[in-house]
């Protein structure tokens, strides 16, 4: 009688185990596609030339983009 009780406990445990629970779930949905709404223009730092999103750029009084405060204070690159 004890072996049948133990067998029942093992079967119930296997039924509710995480290893089998993951296999019984349906397929996972595909990841969302990137939206065009999140696209942002890239600008070039006037001092060093690195490209960065326009929203992250620091602009001076003339509207020139810079990648950091130090480059904004240094001004545009001298050619």
PDB file of N, CA and C in Angstrom:
ATOM      1  N   UNK A   1       0.826  -1.193   0.000  1.00  0.00           N
ATOM      2  CA  UNK A   1       0.000   0.000   0.000  1.00  0.00           C
ATOM      3  C   UNK A   1       0.872   1.259   0.000  1.00  0.00           C
ATOM      4  N   UNK A   2       1.957   1.242   0.732  1.00  0.00           N
ATOM      5  CA  UNK A   2       2.838   2.403   0.827  1.00  0.00           C
ATOM      6  C   UNK A   2       3.501   2.696  -0.518  1.00  0.00           C
ATOM      7  N   UNK A   3       3.850   1.624  -1.264  1.00  0.00           N
ATOM      8  CA  UNK A   3       4.488   1.867  -2.559  1.00  0.00           C
ATOM      9  C   UNK A   3       3.519   2.514  -3.547  1.00  0.00           C
ATOM     10  N   UNK A   4       2.220   2.218  -3.473  1.00  0.00           N
ATOM     11  CA  UNK A   4       1.239   2.857  -4.346  1.00  0.00           C
ATOM     12  C   UNK A   4       1.057   4.321  -3.981  1.00  0.00           C
ATOM     13  N   UNK A   5       1.103   4.622  -2.705  1.00  0.00           N
ATOM     14  CA  UNK A   5       1.006   6.006  -2.247  1.00  0.00           C
ATOM     15  C   UNK A   5       2.236   6.786  -2.705  1.00  0.00           C
ATOM     16  N   UNK A   6       3.408   6.188  -2.583  1.00  0.00           N
ATOM     17  CA  UNK A   6       4.645   6.825  -3.026  1.00  0.00           C
ATOM     18  C   UNK A   6       4.625   7.020  -4.542  1.00  0.00           C
ATOM     19  N   UNK A   7       4.148   6.038  -5.292  1.00  0.00           N
ATOM     20  CA  UNK A   7       4.034   6.152  -6.732  1.00  0.00           C
ATOM     21  C   UNK A   7       3.073   7.274  -7.126  1.00  0.00           C
ATOM     22  N   UNK A   8       1.971   7.408  -6.417  1.00  0.00           N
ATOM     23  CA  UNK A   8       1.008   8.474  -6.685  1.00  0.00           C
ATOM     24  C   UNK A   8       1.626   9.836  -6.418  1.00  0.00           C
ATOM     25  N   UNK A   9       2.399   9.957  -5.352  1.00  0.00           N
ATOM     26  CA  UNK A   9       3.061  11.230  -5.026  1.00  0.00           C
ATOM     27  C   UNK A   9       4.065  11.592  -6.113  1.00  0.00           C
ATOM     28  N   UNK A  10       4.827  10.609  -6.594  1.00  0.00           N
ATOM     29  CA  UNK A  10       5.810  10.871  -7.647  1.00  0.00           C
ATOM     30  C   UNK A  10       5.120  11.300  -8.932  1.00  0.00           C
ATOM     31  N   UNK A  11       4.021  10.654  -9.286  1.00  0.00           N
ATOM     32  CA  UNK A  11       3.288  11.017 -10.504  1.00  0.00           C
ATOM     33  C   UNK A  11       2.710  12.421 -10.383  1.00  0.00           C
ATOM     34  N   UNK A  12       2.153  12.750  -9.237  1.00  0.00           N
ATOM     35  CA  UNK A  12       1.611  14.102  -9.031  1.00  0.00           C
ATOM     36  C   UNK A  12       2.727  15.137  -9.073  1.00  0.00           C
ATOM     37  N   UNK A  13       3.882  14.804  -8.470  1.00  0.00           N
ATOM     38  CA  UNK A  13       5.007  15.732  -8.486  1.00  0.00           C
ATOM     39  C   UNK A  13       5.483  15.958  -9.921  1.00  0.00           C
ATOM     40  N   UNK A  14       5.591  14.912 -10.719  1.00  0.00           N
ATOM     41  CA  UNK A  14       6.004  15.063 -12.116  1.00  0.00           C
ATOM     42  C   UNK A  14       5.000  15.885 -12.917  1.00  0.00           C
ATOM     43  N   UNK A  15       3.735  15.711 -12.610  1.00  0.00           N
ATOM     44  CA  UNK A  15       2.698  16.451 -13.315  1.00  0.00           C
ATOM     45  C   UNK A  15       2.811  17.952 -13.064  1.00  0.00           C
ATOM     46  N   UNK A  16       3.172  18.333 -11.852  1.00  0.00           N
ATOM     47  CA  UNK A  16       3.266  19.749 -11.496  1.00  0.00           C
ATOM     48  C   UNK A  16       4.701  20.283 -11.500  1.00  0.00           C
ATOM     49  N   UNK A  17       5.656  19.506 -11.940  1.00  0.00           N
ATOM     50  CA  UNK A  17       7.053  19.957 -11.906  1.00  0.00           C
ATOM     51  C   UNK A  17       7.277  21.047 -12.947  1.00  0.00           C
ATOM     52  N   UNK A  18       8.181  21.966 -12.683  1.00  0.00           N
ATOM     53  CA  UNK A  18       8.461  23.046 -13.636  1.00  0.00           C
ATOM     54  C   UNK A  18       9.038  22.531 -14.957  1.00  0.00           C
ATOM     55  N   UNK A  19       9.743  21.409 -14.929  1.00  0.00           N
ATOM     56  CA  UNK A  19      10.334  20.887 -16.152  1.00  0.00           C
ATOM     57  C   UNK A  19       9.254  20.499 -17.162  1.00  0.00           C
ATOM     58  N   UNK A  20       8.183  19.886 -16.706  1.00  0.00           N
ATOM     59  CA  UNK A  20       7.112  19.502 -17.612  1.00  0.00           C
ATOM     60  C   UNK A  20       6.141  20.642 -17.860  1.00  0.00           C
ATOM     61  N   UNK A  21       6.031  21.548 -16.916  1.00  0.00           N
ATOM     62  CA  UNK A  21       5.112  22.676 -17.068  1.00  0.00           C
ATOM     63  C   UNK A  21       5.535  23.564 -18.228  1.00  0.00           C
ATOM     64  N   UNK A  22       6.847  23.756 -18.409  1.00  0.00           N
ATOM     65  CA  UNK A  22       7.337  24.579 -19.510  1.00  0.00           C
ATOM     66  C   UNK A  22       7.057  23.958 -20.856  1.00  0.00           C
ATOM     67  N   UNK A  23       7.040  22.633 -20.944  1.00  0.00           N
ATOM     68  CA  UNK A  23       6.798  21.967 -22.213  1.00  0.00           C
ATOM     69  C   UNK A  23       5.329  22.004 -22.607  1.00  0.00           C
ATOM     70  N   UNK A  24       4.432  22.164 -21.642  1.00  0.00           N
ATOM     71  CA  UNK A  24       3.009  22.141 -21.946  1.00  0.00           C
ATOM     72  C   UNK A  24       2.496  23.502 -22.406  1.00  0.00           C
ATOM     73  N   UNK A  25       3.278  24.548 -22.238  1.00  0.00           N
ATOM     74  CA  UNK A  25       2.823  25.880 -22.642  1.00  0.00           C
ATOM     75  C   UNK A  25       2.884  26.009 -24.159  1.00  0.00           C
ATOM     76  N   UNK A  26       2.088  26.891 -24.688  1.00  0.00           N
ATOM     77  CA  UNK A  26       2.053  27.127 -26.130  1.00  0.00           C
ATOM     78  C   UNK A  26       3.318  27.826 -26.590  1.00  0.00           C
ATOM     79  N   UNK A  27       3.432  28.033 -27.889  1.00  0.00           N
ATOM     80  CA  UNK A  27       4.623  28.704 -28.416  1.00  0.00           C
ATOM     81  C   UNK A  27       4.682  30.150 -27.949  1.00  0.00           C
ATOM     82  N   UNK A  28       5.898  30.632 -27.778  1.00  0.00           N
ATOM     83  CA  UNK A  28       6.071  32.014 -27.334  1.00  0.00           C
ATOM     84  C   UNK A  28       5.838  32.944 -28.515  1.00  0.00           C
ATOM     85  N   UNK A  29       5.246  34.100 -28.288  1.00  0.00           N
ATOM     86  CA  UNK A  29       5.003  35.038 -29.393  1.00  0.00           C
ATOM     87  C   UNK A  29       6.325  35.635 -29.878  1.00  0.00           C
ATOM     88  N   UNK A  30       6.407  36.014 -31.136  1.00  0.00           N
ATOM     89  CA  UNK A  30       7.647  36.601 -31.645  1.00  0.00           C
ATOM     90  C   UNK A  30       7.886  37.967 -31.008  1.00  0.00           C
ATOM     91  N   UNK A  31       9.147  38.376 -30.905  1.00  0.00           N
ATOM     92  CA  UNK A  31       9.432  39.689 -30.318  1.00  0.00           C
ATOM     93  C   UNK A  31       8.856  40.798 -31.184  1.00  0.00           C
ATOM     94  N   UNK A  32       8.491  41.923 -30.577  1.00  0.00           N
ATOM     95  CA  UNK A  32       7.909  43.016 -31.370  1.00  0.00           C
ATOM     96  C   UNK A  32       8.942  43.599 -32.328  1.00  0.00           C
ATOM     97  N   UNK A  33       8.469  44.013 -33.485  1.00  0.00           N
ATOM     98  CA  UNK A  33       9.351  44.613 -34.478  1.00  0.00           C
ATOM     99  C   UNK A  33       9.650  46.053 -34.082  1.00  0.00           C
ATOM    100  N   UNK A  34      10.844  46.549 -34.407  1.00  0.00           N
ATOM    101  CA  UNK A  34      11.152  47.939 -34.076  1.00  0.00           C
ATOM    102  C   UNK A  34      10.203  48.888 -34.791  1.00  0.00           C
ATOM    103  N   UNK A  35       9.758  49.870 -34.086  1.00  0.00           N
ATOM    104  CA  UNK A  35       8.802  50.821 -34.636  1.00  0.00           C
ATOM    105  C   UNK A  35       9.537  51.994 -35.279  1.00  0.00           C
ATOM    106  N   UNK A  36       8.987  52.490 -36.355  1.00  0.00           N
ATOM    107  CA  UNK A  36       9.567  53.654 -37.021  1.00  0.00           C
ATOM    108  C   UNK A  36       9.369  54.912 -36.178  1.00  0.00           C
ATOM    109  N   UNK A  37       8.431  54.882 -35.228  1.00  0.00           N
ATOM    110  CA  UNK A  37       8.185  56.056 -34.387  1.00  0.00           C
ATOM    111  C   UNK A  37       9.377  56.346 -33.485  1.00  0.00           C
ATOM    112  N   UNK A  38      10.145  55.315 -33.165  1.00  0.00           N
ATOM    113  CA  UNK A  38      11.270  55.503 -32.261  1.00  0.00           C
ATOM    114  C   UNK A  38      12.542  55.896 -32.995  1.00  0.00           C
ATOM    115  N   UNK A  39      12.514  55.952 -34.316  1.00  0.00           N
ATOM    116  CA  UNK A  39      13.698  56.324 -35.077  1.00  0.00           C
ATOM    117  C   UNK A  39      14.024  57.792 -34.818  1.00  0.00           C
ATOM    118  N   UNK A  40      15.309  58.061 -34.719  1.00  0.00           N
ATOM    119  CA  UNK A  40      15.732  59.425 -34.414  1.00  0.00           C
ATOM    120  C   UNK A  40      16.885  59.797 -35.335  1.00  0.00           C
ATOM    121  N   UNK A  41      16.946  61.045 -35.735  1.00  0.00           N
ATOM    122  CA  UNK A  41      18.016  61.509 -36.611  1.00  0.00           C
ATOM    123  C   UNK A  41      19.346  61.474 -35.876  1.00  0.00           C
ATOM    124  N   UNK A  42      20.398  61.131 -36.614  1.00  0.00           N
ATOM    125  CA  UNK A  42      21.743  61.129 -36.064  1.00  0.00           C
ATOM    126  C   UNK A  42      22.425  62.428 -36.474  1.00  0.00           C
ATOM    127  N   UNK A  43      23.163  63.018 -35.547  1.00  0.00           N
ATOM    128  CA  UNK A  43      23.920  64.247 -35.819  1.00  0.00           C
ATOM    129  C   UNK A  43      25.382  63.995 -35.492  1.00  0.00           C
ATOM    130  N   UNK A  44      26.237  64.854 -36.015  1.00  0.00           N
ATOM    131  CA  UNK A  44      27.674  64.706 -35.821  1.00  0.00           C
ATOM    132  C   UNK A  44      28.166  65.812 -34.906  1.00  0.00           C
ATOM    133  N   UNK A  45      28.973  65.418 -33.915  1.00  0.00           N
ATOM    134  CA  UNK A  45      29.540  66.401 -32.985  1.00  0.00           C
ATOM    135  C   UNK A  45      30.400  67.380 -33.773  1.00  0.00           C
ATOM    136  N   UNK A  46      30.209  68.678 -33.537  1.00  0.00           N
ATOM    137  CA  UNK A  46      30.947  69.713 -34.263  1.00  0.00           C
ATOM    138  C   UNK A  46      32.418  69.742 -33.856  1.00  0.00           C
ATOM    139  N   UNK A  47      32.773  69.130 -32.729  1.00  0.00           N
ATOM    140  CA  UNK A  47      34.157  69.159 -32.257  1.00  0.00           C
ATOM    141  C   UNK A  47      34.941  67.908 -32.669  1.00  0.00           C
ATOM    142  N   UNK A  48      34.410  66.712 -32.345  1.00  0.00           N
ATOM    143  CA  UNK A  48      35.172  65.481 -32.585  1.00  0.00           C
ATOM    144  C   UNK A  48      34.634  64.648 -33.739  1.00  0.00           C
ATOM    145  N   UNK A  49      33.420  64.904 -34.190  1.00  0.00           N
ATOM    146  CA  UNK A  49      32.873  64.197 -35.335  1.00  0.00           C
ATOM    147  C   UNK A  49      32.124  62.921 -35.013  1.00  0.00           C
ATOM    148  N   UNK A  50      31.990  62.573 -33.733  1.00  0.00           N
ATOM    149  CA  UNK A  50      31.259  61.350 -33.384  1.00  0.00           C
ATOM    150  C   UNK A  50      29.773  61.539 -33.678  1.00  0.00           C
ATOM    151  N   UNK A  51      29.115  60.473 -34.123  1.00  0.00           N
ATOM    152  CA  UNK A  51      27.685  60.531 -34.420  1.00  0.00           C
ATOM    153  C   UNK A  51      26.894  60.112 -33.197  1.00  0.00           C
ATOM    154  N   UNK A  52      25.801  60.810 -32.918  1.00  0.00           N
ATOM    155  CA  UNK A  52      24.946  60.504 -31.778  1.00  0.00           C
ATOM    156  C   UNK A  52      23.513  60.901 -32.100  1.00  0.00           C
ATOM    157  N   UNK A  53      22.540  60.317 -31.379  1.00  0.00           N
ATOM    158  CA  UNK A  53      21.141  60.691 -31.624  1.00  0.00           C
ATOM    159  C   UNK A  53      20.916  62.164 -31.323  1.00  0.00           C
ATOM    160  N   UNK A  54      20.064  62.776 -32.108  1.00  0.00           N
ATOM    161  CA  UNK A  54      19.822  64.209 -31.967  1.00  0.00           C
ATOM    162  C   UNK A  54      19.288  64.565 -30.583  1.00  0.00           C
ATOM    163  N   UNK A  55      18.524  63.681 -29.980  1.00  0.00           N
ATOM    164  CA  UNK A  55      17.974  63.942 -28.654  1.00  0.00           C
ATOM    165  C   UNK A  55      19.020  63.958 -27.554  1.00  0.00           C
ATOM    166  N   UNK A  56      20.161  63.311 -27.777  1.00  0.00           N
ATOM    167  CA  UNK A  56      21.225  63.280 -26.774  1.00  0.00           C
ATOM    168  C   UNK A  56      22.271  64.361 -27.002  1.00  0.00           C
ATOM    169  N   UNK A  57      22.212  65.052 -28.108  1.00  0.00           N
ATOM    170  CA  UNK A  57      23.216  66.064 -28.441  1.00  0.00           C
ATOM    171  C   UNK A  57      22.985  67.330 -27.630  1.00  0.00           C
ATOM    172  N   UNK A  58      24.078  67.972 -27.262  1.00  0.00           N
ATOM    173  CA  UNK A  58      24.038  69.276 -26.597  1.00  0.00           C
ATOM    174  C   UNK A  58      24.280  70.321 -27.670  1.00  0.00           C
ATOM    175  N   UNK A  59      23.449  71.340 -27.713  1.00  0.00           N
ATOM    176  CA  UNK A  59      23.579  72.349 -28.772  1.00  0.00           C
ATOM    177  C   UNK A  59      24.061  73.667 -28.181  1.00  0.00           C
ATOM    178  N   UNK A  60      24.864  74.371 -28.979  1.00  0.00           N
ATOM    179  CA  UNK A  60      25.336  75.683 -28.534  1.00  0.00           C
ATOM    180  C   UNK A  60      24.356  76.752 -29.000  1.00  0.00           C
ATOM    181  N   UNK A  61      24.717  78.006 -28.867  1.00  0.00           N
ATOM    182  CA  UNK A  61      23.847  79.112 -29.247  1.00  0.00           C
ATOM    183  C   UNK A  61      23.542  79.170 -30.739  1.00  0.00           C
ATOM    184  N   UNK A  62      24.411  78.585 -31.544  1.00  0.00           N
ATOM    185  CA  UNK A  62      24.226  78.599 -32.998  1.00  0.00           C
ATOM    186  C   UNK A  62      23.509  77.345 -33.494  1.00  0.00           C
ATOM    187  N   UNK A  63      23.163  76.446 -32.583  1.00  0.00           N
ATOM    188  CA  UNK A  63      22.458  75.222 -32.959  1.00  0.00           C
ATOM    189  C   UNK A  63      23.361  74.082 -33.386  1.00  0.00           C
ATOM    190  N   UNK A  64      24.682  74.217 -33.194  1.00  0.00           N
ATOM    191  CA  UNK A  64      25.592  73.136 -33.559  1.00  0.00           C
ATOM    192  C   UNK A  64      25.557  72.054 -32.481  1.00  0.00           C
ATOM    193  N   UNK A  65      25.508  70.781 -32.881  1.00  0.00           N
ATOM    194  CA  UNK A  65      25.437  69.694 -31.898  1.00  0.00           C
ATOM    195  C   UNK A  65      26.815  69.297 -31.370  1.00  0.00           C
ATOM    196  N   UNK A  66      26.848  68.912 -30.090  1.00  0.00           N
ATOM    197  CA  UNK A  66      28.076  68.437 -29.447  1.00  0.00           C
ATOM    198  C   UNK A  66      27.751  67.191 -28.629  1.00  0.00           C
ATOM    199  N   UNK A  67      28.763  66.327 -28.458  1.00  0.00           N
ATOM    200  CA  UNK A  67      28.545  65.079 -27.742  1.00  0.00           C
ATOM    201  C   UNK A  67      28.706  65.232 -26.238  1.00  0.00           C
ATOM    202  N   UNK A  68      29.380  66.289 -25.771  1.00  0.00           N
ATOM    203  CA  UNK A  68      29.585  66.476 -24.333  1.00  0.00           C
ATOM    204  C   UNK A  68      29.703  67.959 -24.010  1.00  0.00           C
ATOM    205  N   UNK A  69      29.622  68.247 -22.734  1.00  0.00           N
ATOM    206  CA  UNK A  69      29.751  69.640 -22.289  1.00  0.00           C
ATOM    207  C   UNK A  69      31.152  70.163 -22.572  1.00  0.00           C
ATOM    208  N   UNK A  70      32.162  69.321 -22.391  1.00  0.00           N
ATOM    209  CA  UNK A  70      33.551  69.748 -22.632  1.00  0.00           C
ATOM    210  C   UNK A  70      33.744  70.127 -24.104  1.00  0.00           C
ATOM    211  N   UNK A  71      33.173  69.358 -25.007  1.00  0.00           N
ATOM    212  CA  UNK A  71      33.311  69.689 -26.423  1.00  0.00           C
ATOM    213  C   UNK A  71      32.501  70.929 -26.785  1.00  0.00           C
ATOM    214  N   UNK A  72      31.364  71.128 -26.123  1.00  0.00           N
ATOM    215  CA  UNK A  72      30.581  72.326 -26.375  1.00  0.00           C
ATOM    216  C   UNK A  72      31.358  73.567 -25.925  1.00  0.00           C
ATOM    217  N   UNK A  73      32.034  73.449 -24.800  1.00  0.00           N
ATOM    218  CA  UNK A  73      32.818  74.586 -24.296  1.00  0.00           C
ATOM    219  C   UNK A  73      34.057  74.820 -25.146  1.00  0.00           C
ATOM    220  N   UNK A  74      34.628  73.730 -25.720  1.00  0.00           N
ATOM    221  CA  UNK A  74      35.820  73.865 -26.567  1.00  0.00           C
ATOM    222  C   UNK A  74      35.485  74.491 -27.913  1.00  0.00           C
ATOM    223  N   UNK A  75      34.245  74.327 -28.350  1.00  0.00           N
ATOM    224  CA  UNK A  75      33.828  74.916 -29.626  1.00  0.00           C
ATOM    225  C   UNK A  75      34.058  73.992 -30.788  1.00  0.00           C
ATOM    226  N   UNK A  76      33.751  74.473 -31.992  1.00  0.00           N
ATOM    227  CA  UNK A  76      33.889  73.627 -33.182  1.00  0.00           C
ATOM    228  C   UNK A  76      35.346  73.320 -33.496  1.00  0.00           C
ATOM    229  N   UNK A  77      35.532  72.240 -34.221  1.00  0.00           N
ATOM    230  CA  UNK A  77      36.866  71.787 -34.596  1.00  0.00           C
ATOM    231  C   UNK A  77      37.476  72.797 -35.563  1.00  0.00           C
ATOM    232  N   UNK A  78      38.742  73.093 -35.345  1.00  0.00           N
ATOM    233  CA  UNK A  78      39.458  74.012 -36.235  1.00  0.00           C
ATOM    234  C   UNK A  78      40.039  73.219 -37.392  1.00  0.00           C
ATOM    235  N   UNK A  79      39.754  73.625 -38.608  1.00  0.00           N
ATOM    236  CA  UNK A  79      40.228  72.884 -39.787  1.00  0.00           C
ATOM    237  C   UNK A  79      41.613  73.294 -40.192  1.00  0.00           C
TER     238      UNK A  79
END
